[in-house]
Amino acid sequence: MKNPSINQVNEQFEKFFGGPARAFAELSIDHMESLVNNQVEASKVYTDLGIKQIRKALDVKAPQDLQSYLQSQQEVVKELTERVRSDSEKVVALNRRFAEDAQKLTQQKVKAASEEAQQLTQENVKAVSEQAQQLTQESTKAAAKATPKAE
């Protein structure tokens, strides 16, 4: 039976574990980056909206200004509600895409690992068969030499 070299072991480890783990880590990092970018964008929008409302509140100097400010708050609440809904939909879409991509990646890596394992099994079966045949031939030759010839 052939002994695998260190390089072969490293290659097999990379194919079966290292490569898939690295691919999943890359997918996870890309997903995390998308989520963080989405959160940073949302935080900026919410911060800008809050500062805008504080500035409007500072402009209140008379009862009419207060009434106008309070009425405008209905629009702010409507805008904020739409923004939260939109941001939630973005996060759901990002998570859905990540789940789909992770599933595809897993299927690809399982298929590749299965094909590689099948190929290695065939190679090992062939090597064992060849060694068995060689040992059989050597045993036959040895037995023929050991057996006294009838004269």
Protein backbone atom coordinates (compact mmCIF):
# COMPACT_ATOMS: atom_id res chain seq x y z
CA MET A 1 0.00 0.00 0.00
CA LYS A 2 1.38 3.42 -0.79
CA ASN A 3 2.15 5.74 2.09
CA PRO A 4 0.86 9.25 1.59
CA SER A 5 3.50 11.92 1.71
CA ILE A 6 3.23 15.01 3.87
CA ASN A 7 2.33 17.02 0.76
CA GLN A 8 -0.52 14.65 -0.09
CA VAL A 9 -1.86 14.86 3.46
CA ASN A 10 -1.64 18.66 3.32
CA GLU A 11 -3.41 18.73 -0.05
CA GLN A 12 -6.17 16.46 1.20
CA PHE A 13 -6.57 18.52 4.38
CA GLU A 14 -6.80 21.68 2.28
CA LYS A 15 -9.40 20.13 -0.07
CA PHE A 16 -11.56 18.63 2.66
CA PHE A 17 -11.23 21.16 5.49
CA GLY A 18 -9.05 24.22 4.86
CA GLY A 19 -10.55 25.30 1.54
CA PRO A 20 -14.19 24.92 2.57
CA ALA A 21 -13.56 26.60 5.93
CA ARG A 22 -11.80 29.51 4.24
CA ALA A 23 -14.62 29.86 1.66
CA PHE A 24 -17.25 29.89 4.40
CA ALA A 25 -15.24 32.41 6.44
CA GLU A 26 -15.01 34.67 3.38
CA LEU A 27 -18.75 34.38 2.81
CA SER A 28 -19.39 35.18 6.49
CA ILE A 29 -17.09 38.20 6.44
CA ASP A 30 -18.77 39.54 3.29
CA HIS A 31 -22.16 39.10 4.97
CA MET A 32 -20.97 40.81 8.15
CA GLU A 33 -19.56 43.69 6.09
CA SER A 34 -22.91 44.12 4.33
CA LEU A 35 -24.76 44.14 7.64
CA VAL A 36 -22.36 46.66 9.18
CA ASN A 37 -22.58 48.94 6.13
CA ASN A 38 -26.36 48.76 6.32
CA GLN A 39 -26.26 49.65 10.03
CA VAL A 40 -23.84 52.54 9.48
CA GLU A 41 -26.07 53.94 6.74
CA ALA A 42 -29.18 53.56 8.91
CA SER A 43 -27.44 55.16 11.89
CA LYS A 44 -26.48 58.16 9.78
CA VAL A 45 -30.02 58.58 8.50
CA TYR A 46 -31.52 58.28 12.01
CA THR A 47 -28.93 60.65 13.46
CA ASP A 48 -29.52 63.23 10.73
CA LEU A 49 -33.28 62.96 11.29
CA GLY A 50 -32.86 63.41 15.05
CA ILE A 51 -30.59 66.44 14.66
CA LYS A 52 -33.00 67.94 12.13
CA GLN A 53 -35.85 67.54 14.63
CA ILE A 54 -33.82 69.10 17.44
CA ARG A 55 -33.06 72.10 15.22
CA LYS A 56 -36.76 72.44 14.39
CA ALA A 57 -37.60 72.29 18.09
CA LEU A 58 -35.09 75.08 18.77
CA ASP A 59 -36.88 77.23 16.17
CA VAL A 60 -40.10 77.15 18.25
CA LYS A 61 -40.59 80.66 19.60
CA ALA A 62 -44.35 81.16 19.54
CA PRO A 63 -47.46 79.03 20.10
CA GLN A 64 -48.05 78.83 16.34
CA ASP A 65 -44.50 77.53 15.88
CA LEU A 66 -45.18 74.86 18.51
CA GLN A 67 -48.41 73.84 16.80
CA SER A 68 -46.67 73.66 13.42
CA TYR A 69 -43.80 71.68 14.94
CA LEU A 70 -46.14 69.16 16.57
CA GLN A 71 -48.08 68.69 13.33
CA SER A 72 -44.84 68.09 11.42
CA GLN A 73 -44.02 65.31 13.88
CA GLN A 74 -46.72 63.16 12.27
CA GLU A 75 -44.74 63.28 9.02
CA VAL A 76 -41.53 62.52 10.90
CA VAL A 77 -43.11 59.47 12.54
CA LYS A 78 -44.43 58.32 9.15
CA GLU A 79 -40.99 58.80 7.55
CA LEU A 80 -39.27 57.04 10.45
CA THR A 81 -41.70 54.12 10.30
CA GLU A 82 -41.07 53.71 6.56
CA ARG A 83 -37.33 53.88 7.09
CA VAL A 84 -37.39 51.23 9.85
CA ARG A 85 -39.52 48.97 7.66
CA SER A 86 -37.16 49.46 4.71
CA ASP A 87 -34.09 48.80 6.86
CA SER A 88 -35.69 45.66 8.28
CA GLU A 89 -36.43 44.40 4.76
CA LYS A 90 -32.81 45.03 3.76
CA VAL A 91 -31.54 43.00 6.71
CA VAL A 92 -33.97 40.17 5.95
CA ALA A 93 -32.84 40.19 2.29
CA LEU A 94 -29.16 40.17 3.32
CA ASN A 95 -29.74 37.26 5.70
CA ARG A 96 -31.73 35.35 3.10
CA ARG A 97 -28.99 35.83 0.51
CA PHE A 98 -26.36 34.71 3.02
CA ALA A 99 -28.35 31.57 3.85
CA GLU A 100 -28.78 30.77 0.13
CA ASP A 101 -25.09 31.39 -0.60
CA ALA A 102 -24.03 29.29 2.39
CA GLN A 103 -26.28 26.46 1.23
CA LYS A 104 -24.87 26.61 -2.32
CA LEU A 105 -21.32 26.69 -0.98
CA THR A 106 -22.00 23.71 1.27
CA GLN A 107 -23.51 21.74 -1.60
CA GLN A 108 -20.55 22.54 -3.86
CA LYS A 109 -17.99 21.59 -1.21
CA VAL A 110 -19.80 18.37 -0.28
CA LYS A 111 -20.00 17.39 -3.94
CA ALA A 112 -16.32 18.16 -4.50
CA ALA A 113 -15.31 16.28 -1.35
CA SER A 114 -17.43 13.32 -2.35
CA GLU A 115 -15.87 13.20 -5.81
CA GLU A 116 -12.38 13.52 -4.33
CA ALA A 117 -13.06 10.78 -1.78
CA GLN A 118 -14.39 8.51 -4.53
CA GLN A 119 -11.30 9.14 -6.65
CA LEU A 120 -8.98 8.47 -3.70
CA THR A 121 -10.87 5.27 -2.90
CA GLN A 122 -10.51 4.08 -6.49
CA GLU A 123 -6.80 4.91 -6.48
CA ASN A 124 -6.30 3.06 -3.19
CA VAL A 125 -8.28 0.03 -4.37
CA LYS A 126 -6.17 -0.07 -7.53
CA ALA A 127 -2.93 0.24 -5.52
CA VAL A 128 -3.99 -2.51 -3.10
CA SER A 129 -5.04 -4.73 -5.99
CA GLU A 130 -1.72 -4.21 -7.74
CA GLN A 131 0.19 -4.96 -4.54
CA ALA A 132 -1.89 -8.07 -3.91
CA GLN A 133 -1.23 -9.25 -7.47
CA GLN A 134 2.47 -8.57 -7.06
CA LEU A 135 2.58 -10.43 -3.74
CA THR A 136 0.67 -13.34 -5.27
CA GLN A 137 3.18 -13.52 -8.13
CA GLU A 138 6.11 -13.34 -5.72
CA SER A 139 4.55 -16.01 -3.51
CA THR A 140 3.99 -18.25 -6.51
CA LYS A 141 7.60 -17.82 -7.62
CA ALA A 142 8.88 -18.48 -4.09
CA ALA A 143 6.69 -21.55 -3.78
CA ALA A 144 7.91 -22.84 -7.14
CA LYS A 145 11.53 -22.43 -6.06
CA ALA A 146 10.88 -24.09 -2.71
CA THR A 147 9.10 -27.08 -4.16
CA PRO A 148 11.50 -29.92 -5.11
CA LYS A 149 11.31 -30.76 -8.75
CA ALA A 150 10.37 -34.33 -9.59
CA GLU A 151 13.01 -35.98 -11.69
